[in-house]
């Protein structure tokens, strides 16, 4: 199992770098070429969401992206450090904080961008999980990989 960890400050311009790194590591891990655009888009959405949460909540810690290559799968976790943010927080309202979920959601995400971002990710990734907790939220995304031996068999 190989793991790459990327941390970056909550600046929108760093999202592009995260997308490029994710696509390169996914390609090396054996994710199908036809799926790499989906990987890029999903990582971009997840990172943009984390950047937005950090900036709107005054969190100065870095965004965390963990890319893991396993035997038959490739996973990416994008983590923020905004307590209670995410689909599982505040009654299932994305981006909502403690208190009245509807009011908190309006304050945290008045344009519904957080909810839209999660919908885009769920549309791009078949295996996705959104978690929220006291220490922040995590979006876990998984894709199947093609083992290197199978690629060699196809080529011969």
Protein backbone atom coordinates (compact mmCIF):
# COMPACT_ATOMS: atom_id res chain seq x y z
CA UNK A 1 0.00 0.00 0.00
CA UNK A 2 1.45 3.37 -1.05
CA UNK A 3 0.25 6.66 0.39
CA UNK A 4 0.86 10.24 -0.65
CA UNK A 5 -0.19 13.05 1.68
CA UNK A 6 -0.62 16.62 0.52
CA UNK A 7 -1.30 19.61 2.78
CA UNK A 8 -2.00 23.10 1.51
CA UNK A 9 -3.20 26.41 2.88
CA UNK A 10 -6.84 27.28 2.29
CA UNK A 11 -6.23 29.29 -0.86
CA UNK A 12 -8.27 28.63 -4.02
CA UNK A 13 -5.17 28.69 -6.22
CA UNK A 14 -3.84 25.53 -4.50
CA UNK A 15 -6.85 23.47 -5.59
CA UNK A 16 -5.43 23.14 -9.12
CA UNK A 17 -2.21 21.67 -7.74
CA UNK A 18 -4.20 19.15 -5.67
CA UNK A 19 -6.14 18.10 -8.80
CA UNK A 20 -2.94 17.61 -10.80
CA UNK A 21 -1.26 15.59 -8.04
CA UNK A 22 -4.38 13.44 -7.59
CA UNK A 23 -4.59 12.66 -11.31
CA UNK A 24 -0.88 11.77 -11.51
CA UNK A 25 -1.03 9.46 -8.49
CA UNK A 26 -4.31 7.90 -9.71
CA UNK A 27 -2.73 7.18 -13.11
CA UNK A 28 0.29 5.57 -11.45
CA UNK A 29 -2.03 3.53 -9.18
CA UNK A 30 -3.79 2.03 -12.20
CA UNK A 31 -7.05 3.99 -12.34
CA UNK A 32 -8.52 3.68 -15.83
CA UNK A 33 -7.55 6.57 -18.14
CA UNK A 34 -11.22 7.18 -18.95
CA UNK A 35 -11.91 7.91 -15.26
CA UNK A 36 -9.03 10.34 -14.63
CA UNK A 37 -11.11 13.40 -15.57
CA UNK A 38 -13.70 12.34 -13.00
CA UNK A 39 -10.94 11.97 -10.39
CA UNK A 40 -9.68 15.48 -11.19
CA UNK A 41 -13.16 17.00 -11.02
CA UNK A 42 -14.13 15.21 -7.81
CA UNK A 43 -10.90 16.20 -6.06
CA UNK A 44 -11.32 19.77 -7.27
CA UNK A 45 -14.86 19.92 -5.85
CA UNK A 46 -13.83 18.35 -2.52
CA UNK A 47 -10.81 20.66 -2.16
CA UNK A 48 -12.81 23.75 -3.15
CA UNK A 49 -15.41 22.82 -0.55
CA UNK A 50 -12.74 22.42 2.14
CA UNK A 51 -11.11 25.73 1.18
CA UNK A 52 -14.50 27.47 1.37
CA UNK A 53 -15.26 25.96 4.78
CA UNK A 54 -11.86 26.97 6.16
CA UNK A 55 -12.10 30.51 4.82
CA UNK A 56 -15.69 31.14 5.92
CA UNK A 57 -15.00 29.78 9.42
CA UNK A 58 -11.62 31.47 9.95
CA UNK A 59 -9.71 28.17 10.16
CA UNK A 60 -6.01 28.65 9.36
CA UNK A 61 -4.84 25.03 9.44
CA UNK A 62 -4.01 23.34 6.13
CA UNK A 63 -6.38 21.28 4.01
CA UNK A 64 -5.34 17.61 4.05
CA UNK A 65 -5.46 15.32 1.00
CA UNK A 66 -4.45 11.67 1.42
CA UNK A 67 -4.08 9.53 -1.70
CA UNK A 68 -3.82 5.78 -1.05
CA UNK A 69 -3.04 3.02 -3.52
CA UNK A 70 -4.22 -0.40 -2.41
CA UNK A 71 -4.21 -3.76 -4.18
CA UNK A 72 -7.45 -3.28 -6.13
CA UNK A 73 -8.48 0.27 -5.35
CA UNK A 74 -7.33 3.86 -5.15
CA UNK A 75 -8.77 6.20 -2.55
CA UNK A 76 -8.59 9.90 -1.85
CA UNK A 77 -9.55 11.58 1.41
CA UNK A 78 -9.98 15.35 1.54
CA UNK A 79 -10.15 16.63 5.09
CA UNK A 80 -11.05 19.96 6.59
CA UNK A 81 -10.72 21.03 10.21
CA UNK A 82 -14.08 22.77 10.60
CA UNK A 83 -15.90 21.04 13.49
CA UNK A 84 -19.37 19.83 12.59
CA UNK A 85 -19.14 20.70 8.88
CA UNK A 86 -20.28 18.14 6.36
CA UNK A 87 -23.37 16.15 5.49
CA UNK A 88 -23.44 14.33 8.84
CA UNK A 89 -23.24 17.53 10.90
CA UNK A 90 -26.14 19.57 12.26
CA UNK A 91 -28.97 17.30 11.27
CA UNK A 92 -27.53 16.31 7.90
CA UNK A 93 -27.36 19.86 6.54
CA UNK A 94 -24.06 20.27 4.65
CA UNK A 95 -21.92 23.06 6.04
CA UNK A 96 -24.29 23.64 8.96
CA UNK A 97 -23.08 24.30 12.48
CA UNK A 98 -24.56 23.50 15.88
CA UNK A 99 -27.83 25.19 16.81
CA UNK A 100 -30.80 25.54 14.48
CA UNK A 101 -29.76 23.51 11.38
CA UNK A 102 -31.75 25.60 8.89
CA UNK A 103 -30.46 28.90 10.26
CA UNK A 104 -26.90 27.61 10.47
CA UNK A 105 -27.05 26.31 6.89
CA UNK A 106 -28.23 29.71 5.64
CA UNK A 107 -25.31 31.41 7.39
CA UNK A 108 -22.68 28.82 6.45
CA UNK A 109 -23.76 28.40 2.83
CA UNK A 110 -26.27 31.03 1.71
CA UNK A 111 -26.02 30.09 -1.99
CA UNK A 112 -26.21 26.31 -1.48
CA UNK A 113 -22.76 25.85 -3.05
CA UNK A 114 -21.69 23.29 -0.44
CA UNK A 115 -24.72 21.12 -1.13
CA UNK A 116 -24.17 21.48 -4.90
CA UNK A 117 -20.50 20.53 -4.54
CA UNK A 118 -21.42 17.36 -2.64
CA UNK A 119 -24.02 16.50 -5.29
CA UNK A 120 -21.39 16.90 -8.03
CA UNK A 121 -18.96 14.64 -6.13
CA UNK A 122 -21.65 11.99 -5.62
CA UNK A 123 -22.44 12.18 -9.34
CA UNK A 124 -18.80 11.64 -10.29
CA UNK A 125 -17.80 8.97 -7.76
CA UNK A 126 -19.70 5.72 -7.24
CA UNK A 127 -18.04 5.00 -3.87
CA UNK A 128 -18.07 8.17 -1.75
CA UNK A 129 -18.50 8.80 1.96
CA UNK A 130 -18.91 12.17 3.69
CA UNK A 131 -18.05 12.25 7.39
CA UNK A 132 -18.16 15.04 9.96
CA UNK A 133 -16.97 15.19 13.52
CA UNK A 134 -15.55 17.27 16.33
CA UNK A 135 -12.20 17.61 14.52
CA UNK A 136 -13.59 18.40 11.08
CA UNK A 137 -14.96 16.66 8.03
CA UNK A 138 -13.64 14.15 5.52
CA UNK A 139 -14.77 13.20 2.04
CA UNK A 140 -13.56 9.70 1.11
CA UNK A 141 -13.66 8.68 -2.54
CA UNK A 142 -12.67 5.28 -3.98
CA UNK A 143 -12.03 4.03 -7.49
CA UNK A 144 -11.15 0.53 -8.74
CA UNK A 145 -7.70 -0.01 -10.24
CA UNK A 146 -6.32 -2.32 -12.87
CA UNK A 147 -3.33 -4.31 -11.62
CA UNK A 148 -0.11 -3.85 -13.61
CA UNK A 149 -0.07 -7.59 -14.50
CA UNK A 150 -3.49 -7.29 -16.16
CA UNK A 151 -2.18 -4.40 -18.26
CA UNK A 152 0.77 -6.54 -19.37
CA UNK A 153 -1.58 -9.41 -20.31
CA UNK A 154 -3.73 -7.08 -22.39
CA UNK A 155 -0.69 -5.75 -24.26
CA UNK A 156 0.53 -9.20 -25.29
